[in-house]
Amino acid sequence: MATSKRTEKLQIMLDDEELKVIDDWRFEHRMPTRAAAIRELIRRGLVSEDLEEPDTDGKSTSDFRVDPE
């Protein structure tokens, strides 16, 4: 896969539970950095077709849950 130059910096706020889930996934998959893990999770989410439609009421969710595999 060709690498492209990163040209945009995004800032997001996550709570402790969201960070724990991301960090646990990162270490389980041996990702080198939290940023790399987040980019991979975003990529996987964008290519997945088995997801529910997002809530489009213009608000973010505060109920962050991950179903155990």
C-alpha atoms as a PDB file:
ATOM      1  CA  MET A   1       0.000   0.000   0.000  1.00  0.00           C
ATOM      2  CA  ALA A   2       1.386   3.381  -0.943  1.00  0.00           C
ATOM      3  CA  THR A   3       1.712   5.866   1.861  1.00  0.00           C
ATOM      4  CA  SER A   4       0.416   9.357   1.369  1.00  0.00           C
ATOM      5  CA  LYS A   5       1.520  12.541   3.052  1.00  0.00           C
ATOM      6  CA  ARG A   6      -0.649  13.419   6.020  1.00  0.00           C
ATOM      7  CA  THR A   7      -1.948  16.925   5.466  1.00  0.00           C
ATOM      8  CA  GLU A   8      -4.687  17.384   8.046  1.00  0.00           C
ATOM      9  CA  LYS A   9      -4.626  17.225  11.832  1.00  0.00           C
ATOM     10  CA  LEU A  10      -7.883  16.324  13.550  1.00  0.00           C
ATOM     11  CA  GLN A  11      -8.670  16.947  17.186  1.00  0.00           C
ATOM     12  CA  ILE A  12     -11.271  14.827  18.971  1.00  0.00           C
ATOM     13  CA  MET A  13     -12.297  14.462  22.580  1.00  0.00           C
ATOM     14  CA  LEU A  14     -12.688  10.954  24.011  1.00  0.00           C
ATOM     15  CA  ASP A  15     -13.632   9.856  27.488  1.00  0.00           C
ATOM     16  CA  ASP A  16     -11.645   7.367  29.570  1.00  0.00           C
ATOM     17  CA  GLU A  17     -13.786   4.392  28.482  1.00  0.00           C
ATOM     18  CA  GLU A  18     -13.340   5.197  24.793  1.00  0.00           C
ATOM     19  CA  LEU A  19      -9.568   5.551  25.233  1.00  0.00           C
ATOM     20  CA  LYS A  20      -9.372   2.258  27.109  1.00  0.00           C
ATOM     21  CA  VAL A  21     -11.202   0.407  24.338  1.00  0.00           C
ATOM     22  CA  ILE A  22      -8.922   1.945  21.694  1.00  0.00           C
ATOM     23  CA  ASP A  23      -5.761   1.261  23.691  1.00  0.00           C
ATOM     24  CA  ASP A  24      -6.816  -2.337  24.429  1.00  0.00           C
ATOM     25  CA  TRP A  25      -7.453  -2.870  20.695  1.00  0.00           C
ATOM     26  CA  ARG A  26      -4.117  -1.227  19.869  1.00  0.00           C
ATOM     27  CA  PHE A  27      -2.114  -3.518  22.148  1.00  0.00           C
ATOM     28  CA  GLU A  28      -4.059  -6.628  21.099  1.00  0.00           C
ATOM     29  CA  HIS A  29      -3.228  -5.871  17.456  1.00  0.00           C
ATOM     30  CA  ARG A  30       0.325  -4.667  18.175  1.00  0.00           C
ATOM     31  CA  MET A  31      -0.174  -1.268  16.618  1.00  0.00           C
ATOM     32  CA  PRO A  32       2.862   1.010  17.110  1.00  0.00           C
ATOM     33  CA  THR A  33       0.950   4.120  18.237  1.00  0.00           C
ATOM     34  CA  ARG A  34      -2.496   5.201  19.347  1.00  0.00           C
ATOM     35  CA  ALA A  35      -2.745   7.344  16.198  1.00  0.00           C
ATOM     36  CA  ALA A  36      -1.957   4.340  13.993  1.00  0.00           C
ATOM     37  CA  ALA A  37      -4.626   2.318  15.796  1.00  0.00           C
ATOM     38  CA  ILE A  38      -7.216   5.060  15.350  1.00  0.00           C
ATOM     39  CA  ARG A  39      -6.389   5.394  11.631  1.00  0.00           C
ATOM     40  CA  GLU A  40      -6.759   1.608  11.230  1.00  0.00           C
ATOM     41  CA  LEU A  41     -10.073   1.566  13.097  1.00  0.00           C
ATOM     42  CA  ILE A  42     -11.359   4.407  10.913  1.00  0.00           C
ATOM     43  CA  ARG A  43     -10.215   2.578   7.765  1.00  0.00           C
ATOM     44  CA  ARG A  44     -11.951  -0.617   8.901  1.00  0.00           C
ATOM     45  CA  GLY A  45     -15.121   1.284   9.705  1.00  0.00           C
ATOM     46  CA  LEU A  46     -15.149   2.949   6.304  1.00  0.00           C
ATOM     47  CA  VAL A  47     -14.797  -0.318   4.390  1.00  0.00           C
ATOM     48  CA  SER A  48     -17.250  -2.284   6.528  1.00  0.00           C
ATOM     49  CA  GLU A  49     -20.708  -2.797   5.108  1.00  0.00           C
ATOM     50  CA  ASP A  50     -22.200  -4.599   8.120  1.00  0.00           C
ATOM     51  CA  LEU A  51     -22.730  -1.523  10.273  1.00  0.00           C
ATOM     52  CA  GLU A  52     -25.935   0.159  11.368  1.00  0.00           C
ATOM     53  CA  GLU A  53     -26.783   3.512   9.892  1.00  0.00           C
ATOM     54  CA  PRO A  54     -25.425   6.331  12.087  1.00  0.00           C
ATOM     55  CA  ASP A  55     -27.651   8.574  14.173  1.00  0.00           C
ATOM     56  CA  THR A  56     -27.914  11.723  12.070  1.00  0.00           C
ATOM     57  CA  ASP A  57     -29.692  13.989  14.563  1.00  0.00           C
ATOM     58  CA  GLY A  58     -26.582  16.166  14.695  1.00  0.00           C
ATOM     59  CA  LYS A  59     -25.559  15.084  18.169  1.00  0.00           C
ATOM     60  CA  SER A  60     -22.731  12.858  19.252  1.00  0.00           C
ATOM     61  CA  THR A  61     -23.399   9.826  21.353  1.00  0.00           C
ATOM     62  CA  SER A  62     -22.301   9.613  24.944  1.00  0.00           C
ATOM     63  CA  ASP A  63     -23.152   5.913  25.158  1.00  0.00           C
ATOM     64  CA  PHE A  64     -20.004   4.245  23.834  1.00  0.00           C
ATOM     65  CA  ARG A  65     -20.290   0.469  23.914  1.00  0.00           C
ATOM     66  CA  VAL A  66     -18.374  -2.277  22.179  1.00  0.00           C
ATOM     67  CA  ASP A  67     -19.950  -5.694  21.815  1.00  0.00           C
ATOM     68  CA  PRO A  68     -17.595  -8.450  22.977  1.00  0.00           C
ATOM     69  CA  GLU A  69     -16.472 -10.810  20.243  1.00  0.00           C
END
